[in-house]
Amino acid sequence: MDNLRNEPLDRLQQLIQDALPTPNSQLQERLKAGIEALLAENRDLAARAEREHNALLAAIGRRGIVYDAAGKAIVVSSGEGDRVARALLGRGEGGTALYYPDGNPVRPEDLPGRRAIGGEQLIDVRFILHDGQAEEIYISVSATPIVTGGTISGAVVTWLDVTEEERTRRRVEEMNRLLEGLFESLGDIVAVQLPDHTILRYNRTGYELIGMRPEEVRGRKCYELIGRTRPCEFCATDLALASKKREVIEKFVPELGRYLECRSSPILNEQGGVAFIVEQLYDITDRKRAEEERRESEAT
């Protein structure tokens, strides 16, 4: 019927008359009326199908392309003038090209529509669009074959512009790398722990102090790492948990043979409770020993 939809009425009548015995005039009129009704219904169905496709794509916040089994685009919700649509249809002009996130170009036979017609299903696969004029466009593409009677009769490809999302993700990654670099490069000992004193991680200096690897430390209590079975009697973290503000103390740790200045800073959650504690430990052994020597000298 798709092939006959746009045929002139006279042409359709002639085709039927050629296939049937010579009809009388009454039969010819009935044939003509039936053909007109059938064509009108077919046009209405086609228009409704296109509206439903577009409404569905709009409802899920995506734009898309509907293909027939031969790979011909029968519905393009955004119009072929859209740069993304042209790239997905393999009709890029002026340097427009579709790339994988690793920078490799997408070959014509690997376009999402062709893969779906071949029976493959794609769910939120990321691509990058280069057109040589504007900034890169990042898109998330899903493609699903349409199966009718056990046979693939077409495919639906939808896409969503995720450029802003990708830029945000990259900014967050860059910030995380920066923070990680700062965290690791600090000369003092820094630990991130839970309110129950469970260590999530140290920076490099912290691991060097206790002589352990990250996998040996993760999940253990801070006091267990120095051979104790209970929290320290005088603990900056316990003070910070109670006050919900930064607490600073100085103490001698005999297991390490060092004087430490301990600064515990609570990180609060949305409910106002303590989610994490960032503990900074400063080795003040030399200062303390110098003070003791000065006091002894003054006493002498």
Protein backbone atom coordinates (compact mmCIF):
# COMPACT_ATOMS: atom_id res chain seq x y z
CA MET A 1 0.00 0.00 0.00
CA ASP A 2 2.95 2.32 0.67
CA ASN A 3 3.93 1.89 -2.97
CA LEU A 4 0.39 2.71 -4.16
CA ARG A 5 -0.25 5.57 -1.80
CA ASN A 6 0.89 8.27 -4.19
CA GLU A 7 -0.28 6.67 -7.43
CA PRO A 8 -2.80 8.74 -9.44
CA LEU A 9 -6.36 7.47 -9.13
CA ASP A 10 -6.71 6.84 -12.88
CA ARG A 11 -3.52 4.76 -12.80
CA LEU A 12 -4.84 2.60 -9.97
CA GLN A 13 -8.14 2.05 -11.76
CA GLN A 14 -6.29 0.99 -14.88
CA LEU A 15 -4.14 -1.46 -12.90
CA ILE A 16 -7.23 -3.12 -11.39
CA GLN A 17 -9.14 -3.18 -14.67
CA ASP A 18 -6.19 -4.85 -16.37
CA ALA A 19 -6.19 -7.53 -13.69
CA LEU A 20 -9.93 -8.21 -13.78
CA PRO A 21 -12.39 -9.29 -16.46
CA THR A 22 -14.07 -6.38 -18.25
CA PRO A 23 -16.33 -4.78 -15.58
CA ASN A 24 -19.59 -3.01 -16.30
CA SER A 25 -20.13 0.68 -15.60
CA GLN A 26 -21.70 0.06 -12.19
CA LEU A 27 -18.77 -2.04 -11.11
CA GLN A 28 -16.36 0.64 -12.37
CA GLU A 29 -18.05 3.28 -10.20
CA ARG A 30 -17.89 1.03 -7.19
CA LEU A 31 -14.22 0.33 -7.85
CA LYS A 32 -13.51 4.03 -8.19
CA ALA A 33 -15.29 4.87 -4.91
CA GLY A 34 -13.55 2.04 -3.09
CA ILE A 35 -10.13 3.11 -4.34
CA GLU A 36 -10.78 6.72 -3.31
CA ALA A 37 -11.85 5.63 0.19
CA LEU A 38 -8.87 3.31 0.54
CA LEU A 39 -6.40 5.99 -0.54
CA ALA A 40 -7.93 8.54 1.82
CA GLU A 41 -7.72 6.11 4.73
CA ASN A 42 -4.11 5.27 3.86
CA ARG A 43 -3.17 8.97 3.78
CA ASP A 44 -4.85 9.49 7.15
CA LEU A 45 -3.01 6.53 8.65
CA ALA A 46 0.33 7.76 7.32
CA ALA A 47 -0.26 11.26 8.69
CA ARG A 48 -1.33 9.90 12.05
CA ALA A 49 1.69 7.59 12.24
CA GLU A 50 4.01 10.52 11.58
CA ARG A 51 2.28 12.63 14.26
CA GLU A 52 2.50 9.77 16.75
CA HIS A 53 6.19 9.22 16.02
CA ASN A 54 6.93 12.90 16.57
CA ALA A 55 4.77 13.06 19.69
CA LEU A 56 6.50 10.00 21.16
CA LEU A 57 9.96 11.40 20.48
CA ALA A 58 9.00 14.74 21.97
CA ALA A 59 7.53 13.06 25.04
CA ILE A 60 10.80 11.31 25.89
CA GLY A 61 12.86 14.43 25.30
CA ARG A 62 14.64 13.03 22.28
CA ARG A 63 14.71 13.59 18.57
CA GLY A 64 14.84 10.71 16.19
CA ILE A 65 14.73 9.00 12.84
CA VAL A 66 12.48 6.15 11.72
CA TYR A 67 13.80 3.88 8.96
CA ASP A 68 12.13 1.31 6.77
CA ALA A 69 13.66 -2.13 6.19
CA ALA A 70 15.67 -0.85 3.23
CA GLY A 71 17.39 1.78 5.38
CA LYS A 72 15.41 4.71 3.98
CA ALA A 73 14.52 7.42 6.50
CA ILE A 74 10.74 7.79 6.47
CA VAL A 75 10.47 10.11 9.51
CA VAL A 76 13.06 12.63 10.74
CA SER A 77 11.59 14.43 13.73
CA SER A 78 13.96 17.40 13.63
CA GLY A 79 14.22 17.68 9.86
CA GLU A 80 17.24 16.73 7.82
CA GLY A 81 18.58 20.26 8.16
CA ASP A 82 19.68 19.42 11.70
CA ARG A 83 23.43 18.81 11.90
CA VAL A 84 23.00 15.75 14.10
CA ALA A 85 20.33 14.27 11.83
CA ARG A 86 22.56 14.73 8.78
CA ALA A 87 25.46 13.04 10.54
CA LEU A 88 23.33 10.10 11.69
CA LEU A 89 21.92 9.74 8.18
CA GLY A 90 25.44 9.72 6.77
CA ARG A 91 24.84 12.93 4.83
CA GLY A 92 27.34 15.17 6.58
CA GLU A 93 28.48 18.13 4.55
CA GLY A 94 31.29 20.65 4.95
CA GLY A 95 33.42 18.41 7.15
CA THR A 96 30.59 17.21 9.38
CA ALA A 97 31.49 13.80 10.77
CA LEU A 98 30.47 11.46 13.56
CA TYR A 99 33.15 10.12 15.92
CA TYR A 100 33.39 7.69 18.79
CA PRO A 101 34.51 9.14 22.16
CA ASP A 102 38.00 7.69 21.59
CA GLY A 103 38.36 9.89 18.49
CA ASN A 104 37.89 7.24 15.81
CA PRO A 105 35.45 8.14 13.01
CA VAL A 106 32.22 6.19 12.58
CA ARG A 107 32.17 4.35 9.27
CA PRO A 108 29.00 4.59 7.12
CA GLU A 109 28.22 0.92 7.68
CA ASP A 110 28.49 1.42 11.45
CA LEU A 111 25.96 4.24 11.71
CA PRO A 112 23.38 3.51 14.45
CA GLY A 113 20.50 3.18 11.95
CA ARG A 114 22.28 0.57 9.87
CA ARG A 115 23.34 -1.36 12.95
CA ALA A 116 19.73 -1.42 14.19
CA ILE A 117 18.41 -2.62 10.82
CA GLY A 118 21.02 -5.36 11.09
CA GLY A 119 19.38 -6.52 14.32
CA GLU A 120 21.58 -4.75 16.88
CA GLN A 121 20.18 -2.71 19.75
CA LEU A 122 22.04 0.35 21.05
CA ILE A 123 21.23 1.98 24.38
CA ASP A 124 22.65 5.43 25.20
CA VAL A 125 25.81 5.03 23.13
CA ARG A 126 27.90 8.22 23.13
CA PHE A 127 29.13 9.88 19.93
CA ILE A 128 30.82 13.19 19.14
CA LEU A 129 29.85 15.37 16.20
CA HIS A 130 32.54 17.48 14.51
CA ASP A 131 31.51 19.95 11.86
CA GLY A 132 34.64 22.08 11.62
CA GLN A 133 32.76 25.28 12.47
CA ALA A 134 31.27 25.06 15.93
CA GLU A 135 32.33 23.32 19.11
CA GLU A 136 31.97 19.57 19.43
CA ILE A 137 28.44 18.26 19.98
CA TYR A 138 28.09 15.25 22.28
CA ILE A 139 25.06 13.05 21.68
CA SER A 140 23.60 9.99 23.36
CA VAL A 141 22.08 7.63 20.78
CA SER A 142 19.72 4.69 21.17
CA ALA A 143 18.71 2.49 18.25
CA THR A 144 16.13 -0.31 18.19
CA PRO A 145 15.11 -2.60 15.34
CA ILE A 146 11.39 -2.81 14.52
CA VAL A 147 10.36 -6.45 14.22
CA THR A 148 7.14 -7.38 12.40
CA GLY A 149 6.16 -11.01 12.07
CA GLY A 150 9.62 -12.15 13.06
CA THR A 151 11.26 -9.99 10.38
CA ILE A 152 13.02 -6.64 10.85
CA SER A 153 10.81 -4.12 9.08
CA GLY A 154 12.65 -0.99 10.10
CA ALA A 155 14.40 0.77 12.95
CA VAL A 156 14.02 3.72 15.29
CA VAL A 157 17.04 5.85 16.19
CA THR A 158 16.76 8.53 18.86
CA TRP A 159 19.34 10.98 20.11
CA LEU A 160 19.76 13.45 22.93
CA ASP A 161 22.17 16.38 23.01
CA VAL A 162 24.32 15.81 26.12
CA THR A 163 26.95 18.44 25.38
CA GLU A 164 26.38 20.40 28.60
CA GLU A 165 26.34 17.21 30.62
CA GLU A 166 29.64 16.14 29.06
CA ARG A 167 31.23 19.53 29.67
CA THR A 168 30.13 19.40 33.30
CA ARG A 169 31.53 15.89 33.67
CA ARG A 170 34.86 16.99 32.23
CA ARG A 171 35.01 20.00 34.53
CA VAL A 172 34.31 17.76 37.52
CA GLU A 173 37.00 15.31 36.41
CA GLU A 174 39.48 18.14 35.98
CA MET A 175 38.63 19.52 39.43
CA ASN A 176 38.94 16.05 40.95
CA ARG A 177 42.38 15.60 39.38
CA LEU A 178 43.42 18.98 40.75
CA LEU A 179 42.15 18.17 44.24
CA GLU A 180 43.74 14.73 44.11
CA GLY A 181 47.05 16.29 43.12
CA LEU A 182 46.85 18.79 45.96
CA PHE A 183 45.83 16.08 48.43
CA GLU A 184 48.73 13.84 47.51
CA SER A 185 51.33 16.61 47.35
CA LEU A 186 50.68 17.91 50.88
CA GLY A 187 53.71 17.36 53.05
CA ASP A 188 51.60 16.87 56.17
CA ILE A 189 49.56 13.79 56.95
CA VAL A 190 45.93 13.98 55.83
CA ALA A 191 43.32 11.32 56.50
CA VAL A 192 39.65 11.02 55.53
CA GLN A 193 37.67 8.97 58.02
CA LEU A 194 34.12 8.14 59.02
CA PRO A 195 32.65 9.28 62.34
CA ASP A 196 33.43 5.84 63.85
CA HIS A 197 37.17 6.37 63.11
CA THR A 198 37.17 4.07 60.06
CA ILE A 199 39.87 5.24 57.67
CA LEU A 200 38.80 5.75 54.06
CA ARG A 201 42.20 6.93 52.87
CA TYR A 202 45.43 8.75 53.69
CA ASN A 203 47.54 10.88 51.41
CA ARG A 204 50.96 9.62 50.38
CA THR A 205 52.68 11.08 53.46
CA GLY A 206 50.22 9.27 55.74
CA TYR A 207 50.88 5.88 54.18
CA GLU A 208 54.62 6.49 54.46
CA LEU A 209 54.30 7.36 58.17
CA ILE A 210 52.52 4.14 59.13
CA GLY A 211 54.42 2.03 56.56
CA MET A 212 51.31 0.47 54.99
CA ARG A 213 49.72 0.26 51.57
CA PRO A 214 46.23 1.68 50.85
CA GLU A 215 44.63 -1.78 50.67
CA GLU A 216 46.06 -2.60 54.14
CA VAL A 217 44.59 0.57 55.66
CA ARG A 218 41.17 0.90 54.04
CA GLY A 219 38.31 -0.06 56.36
CA ARG A 220 40.39 -0.19 59.57
CA LYS A 221 40.13 2.14 62.56
CA CYS A 222 42.77 4.82 62.95
CA TYR A 223 43.77 3.58 66.43
CA GLU A 224 44.11 0.00 65.15
CA LEU A 225 46.82 1.15 62.76
CA ILE A 226 49.09 2.07 65.69
CA GLY A 227 48.34 -1.14 67.63
CA ARG A 228 45.57 0.06 69.94
CA THR A 229 42.22 -1.61 70.61
CA ARG A 230 40.26 1.52 71.54
CA PRO A 231 40.20 5.19 70.52
CA CYS A 232 42.76 7.54 72.03
CA GLU A 233 41.68 9.03 75.35
CA PHE A 234 42.42 12.54 74.07
CA CYS A 235 41.11 12.66 70.48
CA ALA A 236 40.50 15.65 68.19
CA THR A 237 38.03 13.64 66.11
CA ASP A 238 35.80 12.90 69.12
CA LEU A 239 35.86 16.59 70.03
CA ALA A 240 34.91 17.57 66.45
CA LEU A 241 32.05 15.06 66.44
CA ALA A 242 30.64 16.68 69.57
CA SER A 243 31.14 20.32 68.57
CA LYS A 244 30.65 19.92 64.79
CA LYS A 245 33.51 22.35 64.22
CA ARG A 246 37.26 22.07 63.78
CA GLU A 247 39.15 20.99 66.87
CA VAL A 248 42.92 21.17 67.42
CA ILE A 249 44.96 19.31 70.03
CA GLU A 250 48.61 18.40 70.63
CA LYS A 251 49.66 15.03 71.99
CA PHE A 252 52.50 12.56 72.18
CA VAL A 253 51.95 9.24 70.38
CA PRO A 254 54.32 6.71 71.99
CA GLU A 255 53.69 4.05 69.32
CA LEU A 256 55.14 6.46 66.75
CA GLY A 257 57.56 8.19 69.08
CA ARG A 258 56.33 11.57 67.85
CA TYR A 259 54.52 14.65 69.00
CA LEU A 260 51.60 15.45 66.71
CA GLU A 261 49.31 18.43 66.28
CA CYS A 262 45.94 16.93 65.32
CA ARG A 263 43.33 19.01 63.50
CA SER A 264 39.97 17.36 62.88
CA SER A 265 37.46 19.13 60.62
CA PRO A 266 33.91 17.72 60.31
CA ILE A 267 32.08 17.63 56.97
CA LEU A 268 28.35 17.84 57.57
CA ASN A 269 25.57 16.23 55.53
CA GLU A 270 22.31 17.89 54.47
CA GLN A 271 20.69 16.98 57.78
CA GLY A 272 23.44 18.67 59.78
CA GLY A 273 25.06 15.45 60.96
CA VAL A 274 28.75 14.62 60.57
CA ALA A 275 29.33 12.59 57.41
CA PHE A 276 33.14 12.59 57.31
CA ILE A 277 36.11 13.83 59.29
CA VAL A 278 39.19 15.27 57.58
CA GLU A 279 42.10 14.85 59.96
CA GLN A 280 45.40 16.69 59.47
CA LEU A 281 48.41 15.60 61.49
CA TYR A 282 51.47 17.84 61.82
CA ASP A 283 54.71 16.43 63.17
CA ILE A 284 55.81 18.89 65.87
CA THR A 285 58.38 16.60 67.49
CA ASP A 286 61.34 18.90 66.80
CA ARG A 287 59.50 21.91 68.18
CA LYS A 288 58.44 20.10 71.33
CA ARG A 289 61.94 18.77 71.99
CA ALA A 290 63.40 22.24 71.45
CA GLU A 291 60.92 23.62 73.98
CA GLU A 292 61.87 20.92 76.50
CA GLU A 293 65.56 21.63 76.02
CA ARG A 294 64.94 25.34 76.50
CA ARG A 295 63.00 24.73 79.71
CA GLU A 296 65.74 22.45 81.04
CA SER A 297 68.35 25.06 80.16
CA GLU A 298 66.38 27.80 81.88
CA ALA A 299 65.98 25.63 84.97
CA THR A 300 69.70 24.91 85.04
